[in-house]
Amino acid sequence: MIRNSVAIILLFVTTTFYSQDVVGKWKNIDDETGKSKGVVEIYKKSGKIYGKVISILVPGREDALCQNCQGEDADKPILGLTIIKGLVKDGKEYNSGEILDPTNGKLYRCLIELKEKDKLKVRGYIGFALFGRTQYWYRVK
């Protein structure tokens, strides 16, 4: 009986801990229209956080290319494109990396923070975090 109780408690703690992580699939919401544009999978690689577009939800944009992107991302399909690059955990947030806006091809400094279990604050900015744009993404279940 005690063994079963311990196993259940460990499973609960593990599940709770995992669900408090930014890793997973997130539906991004356009801050101007309020409509979902796609799904981004956030993952860890070499101790840093990255995110790539795994689904485009805007009709007619499924095969869109990152036409205004520079460097290695130039003219690549948006589907499969890594748009969050190299974030590092700093307290409750992840920062010190970049986010790519495939609409205009610009790279911004980025910070993300889990606001609720299924709500992620994503902020792209230039220079200081005060000068930027915030979106809220929602976990895909």
C-alpha atoms as a PDB file:
ATOM      1  CA  MET A   1       0.000   0.000   0.000  1.00  0.00           C
ATOM      2  CA  ILE A   2       2.771   2.438   0.922  1.00  0.00           C
ATOM      3  CA  ARG A   3       4.651   1.518  -2.233  1.00  0.00           C
ATOM      4  CA  ASN A   4       1.590   2.326  -4.378  1.00  0.00           C
ATOM      5  CA  SER A   5       1.087   5.635  -2.563  1.00  0.00           C
ATOM      6  CA  VAL A   6       4.716   6.633  -3.132  1.00  0.00           C
ATOM      7  CA  ALA A   7       4.462   5.685  -6.808  1.00  0.00           C
ATOM      8  CA  ILE A   8       1.301   7.761  -7.237  1.00  0.00           C
ATOM      9  CA  ILE A   9       2.863  10.762  -5.484  1.00  0.00           C
ATOM     10  CA  LEU A  10       6.008  10.540  -7.643  1.00  0.00           C
ATOM     11  CA  LEU A  11       3.911  10.300 -10.792  1.00  0.00           C
ATOM     12  CA  PHE A  12       1.882  13.345  -9.735  1.00  0.00           C
ATOM     13  CA  VAL A  13       4.998  15.390  -8.902  1.00  0.00           C
ATOM     14  CA  THR A  14       6.675  14.416 -12.183  1.00  0.00           C
ATOM     15  CA  THR A  15       3.572  15.282 -14.207  1.00  0.00           C
ATOM     16  CA  THR A  16       3.134  18.590 -12.393  1.00  0.00           C
ATOM     17  CA  PHE A  17       6.809  19.482 -12.866  1.00  0.00           C
ATOM     18  CA  TYR A  18       6.733  18.578 -16.560  1.00  0.00           C
ATOM     19  CA  SER A  19       3.597  20.610 -17.213  1.00  0.00           C
ATOM     20  CA  GLN A  20       5.304  23.669 -15.684  1.00  0.00           C
ATOM     21  CA  ASP A  21       7.975  23.604 -18.390  1.00  0.00           C
ATOM     22  CA  VAL A  22       7.982  25.693 -21.581  1.00  0.00           C
ATOM     23  CA  VAL A  23       8.858  22.630 -23.652  1.00  0.00           C
ATOM     24  CA  GLY A  24       5.940  21.481 -25.779  1.00  0.00           C
ATOM     25  CA  LYS A  25       3.644  22.578 -28.574  1.00  0.00           C
ATOM     26  CA  TRP A  26       2.216  26.094 -28.452  1.00  0.00           C
ATOM     27  CA  LYS A  27      -0.444  27.777 -30.577  1.00  0.00           C
ATOM     28  CA  ASN A  28       0.683  31.303 -31.312  1.00  0.00           C
ATOM     29  CA  ILE A  29      -1.937  34.028 -31.350  1.00  0.00           C
ATOM     30  CA  ASP A  30      -1.527  37.176 -33.439  1.00  0.00           C
ATOM     31  CA  ASP A  31      -1.578  40.108 -31.012  1.00  0.00           C
ATOM     32  CA  GLU A  32      -3.264  42.334 -33.620  1.00  0.00           C
ATOM     33  CA  THR A  33      -6.006  40.022 -34.943  1.00  0.00           C
ATOM     34  CA  GLY A  34      -6.403  37.645 -31.999  1.00  0.00           C
ATOM     35  CA  LYS A  35      -6.378  34.703 -34.420  1.00  0.00           C
ATOM     36  CA  SER A  36      -4.074  31.722 -34.287  1.00  0.00           C
ATOM     37  CA  LYS A  37      -1.357  31.704 -36.946  1.00  0.00           C
ATOM     38  CA  GLY A  38       0.305  28.381 -36.257  1.00  0.00           C
ATOM     39  CA  VAL A  39       1.847  25.939 -33.843  1.00  0.00           C
ATOM     40  CA  VAL A  40       5.421  26.198 -32.605  1.00  0.00           C
ATOM     41  CA  GLU A  41       7.179  23.284 -30.936  1.00  0.00           C
ATOM     42  CA  ILE A  42       9.520  24.482 -28.202  1.00  0.00           C
ATOM     43  CA  TYR A  43      12.345  22.107 -27.334  1.00  0.00           C
ATOM     44  CA  LYS A  44      15.668  21.951 -25.495  1.00  0.00           C
ATOM     45  CA  LYS A  45      18.934  21.372 -27.319  1.00  0.00           C
ATOM     46  CA  SER A  46      22.351  21.567 -25.645  1.00  0.00           C
ATOM     47  CA  GLY A  47      20.792  23.248 -22.591  1.00  0.00           C
ATOM     48  CA  LYS A  48      19.137  26.029 -24.594  1.00  0.00           C
ATOM     49  CA  ILE A  49      15.562  26.591 -25.760  1.00  0.00           C
ATOM     50  CA  TYR A  50      14.558  26.605 -29.436  1.00  0.00           C
ATOM     51  CA  GLY A  51      11.235  26.684 -31.220  1.00  0.00           C
ATOM     52  CA  LYS A  52      10.252  25.663 -34.724  1.00  0.00           C
ATOM     53  CA  VAL A  53       7.053  26.084 -36.705  1.00  0.00           C
ATOM     54  CA  ILE A  54       5.334  22.703 -37.018  1.00  0.00           C
ATOM     55  CA  SER A  55       1.943  23.835 -38.330  1.00  0.00           C
ATOM     56  CA  ILE A  56       0.589  26.846 -40.208  1.00  0.00           C
ATOM     57  CA  LEU A  57      -3.080  27.558 -39.523  1.00  0.00           C
ATOM     58  CA  VAL A  58      -3.621  30.478 -41.920  1.00  0.00           C
ATOM     59  CA  PRO A  59      -5.326  29.196 -45.089  1.00  0.00           C
ATOM     60  CA  GLY A  60      -3.178  29.704 -48.172  1.00  0.00           C
ATOM     61  CA  ARG A  61       0.046  30.201 -46.171  1.00  0.00           C
ATOM     62  CA  GLU A  62       0.914  26.527 -45.646  1.00  0.00           C
ATOM     63  CA  ASP A  63       3.680  26.665 -48.295  1.00  0.00           C
ATOM     64  CA  ALA A  64       4.838  30.238 -47.583  1.00  0.00           C
ATOM     65  CA  LEU A  65       8.533  31.078 -47.732  1.00  0.00           C
ATOM     66  CA  CYS A  66      10.443  33.425 -45.446  1.00  0.00           C
ATOM     67  CA  GLN A  67      11.025  35.875 -48.284  1.00  0.00           C
ATOM     68  CA  ASN A  68      12.383  38.746 -46.178  1.00  0.00           C
ATOM     69  CA  CYS A  69      14.665  36.595 -44.030  1.00  0.00           C
ATOM     70  CA  GLN A  70      18.416  37.034 -44.149  1.00  0.00           C
ATOM     71  CA  GLY A  71      21.286  34.552 -44.022  1.00  0.00           C
ATOM     72  CA  GLU A  72      20.575  30.855 -43.572  1.00  0.00           C
ATOM     73  CA  ASP A  73      16.801  31.439 -43.252  1.00  0.00           C
ATOM     74  CA  ALA A  74      16.448  33.318 -46.562  1.00  0.00           C
ATOM     75  CA  ASP A  75      13.687  31.878 -48.778  1.00  0.00           C
ATOM     76  CA  LYS A  76      13.231  28.792 -46.577  1.00  0.00           C
ATOM     77  CA  PRO A  77       9.724  27.425 -46.017  1.00  0.00           C
ATOM     78  CA  ILE A  78       8.192  28.860 -42.842  1.00  0.00           C
ATOM     79  CA  LEU A  79       6.895  25.395 -42.006  1.00  0.00           C
ATOM     80  CA  GLY A  80       9.825  23.738 -40.223  1.00  0.00           C
ATOM     81  CA  LEU A  81      11.684  27.015 -39.670  1.00  0.00           C
ATOM     82  CA  THR A  82      13.385  27.536 -36.303  1.00  0.00           C
ATOM     83  CA  ILE A  83      12.065  30.886 -35.087  1.00  0.00           C
ATOM     84  CA  ILE A  84      13.177  30.815 -31.424  1.00  0.00           C
ATOM     85  CA  LYS A  85      16.914  30.458 -31.030  1.00  0.00           C
ATOM     86  CA  GLY A  86      19.216  29.933 -28.063  1.00  0.00           C
ATOM     87  CA  LEU A  87      17.192  31.047 -25.034  1.00  0.00           C
ATOM     88  CA  VAL A  88      18.718  30.404 -21.611  1.00  0.00           C
ATOM     89  CA  LYS A  89      16.842  29.999 -18.316  1.00  0.00           C
ATOM     90  CA  ASP A  90      17.218  33.027 -16.049  1.00  0.00           C
ATOM     91  CA  GLY A  91      15.045  32.710 -12.943  1.00  0.00           C
ATOM     92  CA  LYS A  92      11.417  32.353 -14.057  1.00  0.00           C
ATOM     93  CA  GLU A  93      12.055  33.403 -17.652  1.00  0.00           C
ATOM     94  CA  TYR A  94      14.151  32.348 -20.616  1.00  0.00           C
ATOM     95  CA  ASN A  95      16.116  35.066 -22.414  1.00  0.00           C
ATOM     96  CA  SER A  96      19.444  35.917 -24.096  1.00  0.00           C
ATOM     97  CA  GLY A  97      18.282  34.497 -27.416  1.00  0.00           C
ATOM     98  CA  GLU A  98      16.416  35.605 -30.506  1.00  0.00           C
ATOM     99  CA  ILE A  99      13.044  35.247 -32.162  1.00  0.00           C
ATOM    100  CA  LEU A 100      12.451  35.510 -35.891  1.00  0.00           C
ATOM    101  CA  ASP A 101       9.312  37.136 -37.253  1.00  0.00           C
ATOM    102  CA  PRO A 102       8.845  35.282 -40.563  1.00  0.00           C
ATOM    103  CA  THR A 103       6.352  37.917 -41.727  1.00  0.00           C
ATOM    104  CA  ASN A 104       8.987  40.659 -41.971  1.00  0.00           C
ATOM    105  CA  GLY A 105      12.154  38.542 -41.738  1.00  0.00           C
ATOM    106  CA  LYS A 106      13.523  40.457 -38.751  1.00  0.00           C
ATOM    107  CA  LEU A 107      15.315  38.978 -35.751  1.00  0.00           C
ATOM    108  CA  TYR A 108      14.505  40.357 -32.325  1.00  0.00           C
ATOM    109  CA  ARG A 109      15.876  39.710 -28.873  1.00  0.00           C
ATOM    110  CA  CYS A 110      13.488  37.415 -27.059  1.00  0.00           C
ATOM    111  CA  LEU A 111      12.250  36.426 -23.664  1.00  0.00           C
ATOM    112  CA  ILE A 112       9.608  33.892 -22.786  1.00  0.00           C
ATOM    113  CA  GLU A 113       7.953  33.204 -19.466  1.00  0.00           C
ATOM    114  CA  LEU A 114       5.378  30.678 -18.386  1.00  0.00           C
ATOM    115  CA  LYS A 115       2.518  32.757 -16.970  1.00  0.00           C
ATOM    116  CA  GLU A 116       0.188  29.860 -16.271  1.00  0.00           C
ATOM    117  CA  LYS A 117       0.479  26.121 -16.854  1.00  0.00           C
ATOM    118  CA  ASP A 118      -0.843  26.513 -20.422  1.00  0.00           C
ATOM    119  CA  LYS A 119      -0.105  30.199 -21.147  1.00  0.00           C
ATOM    120  CA  LEU A 120       3.265  31.434 -22.383  1.00  0.00           C
ATOM    121  CA  LYS A 121       4.331  35.070 -22.597  1.00  0.00           C
ATOM    122  CA  VAL A 122       6.524  35.659 -25.660  1.00  0.00           C
ATOM    123  CA  ARG A 123       8.218  39.052 -25.999  1.00  0.00           C
ATOM    124  CA  GLY A 124      10.325  40.204 -28.923  1.00  0.00           C
ATOM    125  CA  TYR A 125      12.214  43.463 -28.603  1.00  0.00           C
ATOM    126  CA  ILE A 126      15.032  45.637 -29.889  1.00  0.00           C
ATOM    127  CA  GLY A 127      17.553  46.899 -27.362  1.00  0.00           C
ATOM    128  CA  PHE A 128      15.631  46.998 -24.089  1.00  0.00           C
ATOM    129  CA  ALA A 129      12.695  44.757 -23.217  1.00  0.00           C
ATOM    130  CA  LEU A 130      10.588  47.902 -22.720  1.00  0.00           C
ATOM    131  CA  PHE A 131      10.574  48.499 -26.478  1.00  0.00           C
ATOM    132  CA  GLY A 132       8.926  45.523 -28.077  1.00  0.00           C
ATOM    133  CA  ARG A 133       5.842  43.430 -28.641  1.00  0.00           C
ATOM    134  CA  THR A 134       4.274  40.737 -26.489  1.00  0.00           C
ATOM    135  CA  GLN A 135       2.159  37.783 -27.553  1.00  0.00           C
ATOM    136  CA  TYR A 136       0.558  35.093 -25.457  1.00  0.00           C
ATOM    137  CA  TRP A 137       0.750  31.544 -26.760  1.00  0.00           C
ATOM    138  CA  TYR A 138      -1.376  28.658 -25.529  1.00  0.00           C
ATOM    139  CA  ARG A 139      -0.305  25.062 -25.005  1.00  0.00           C
ATOM    140  CA  VAL A 140      -1.654  22.537 -27.512  1.00  0.00           C
ATOM    141  CA  LYS A 141      -3.052  19.519 -25.691  1.00  0.00           C
END
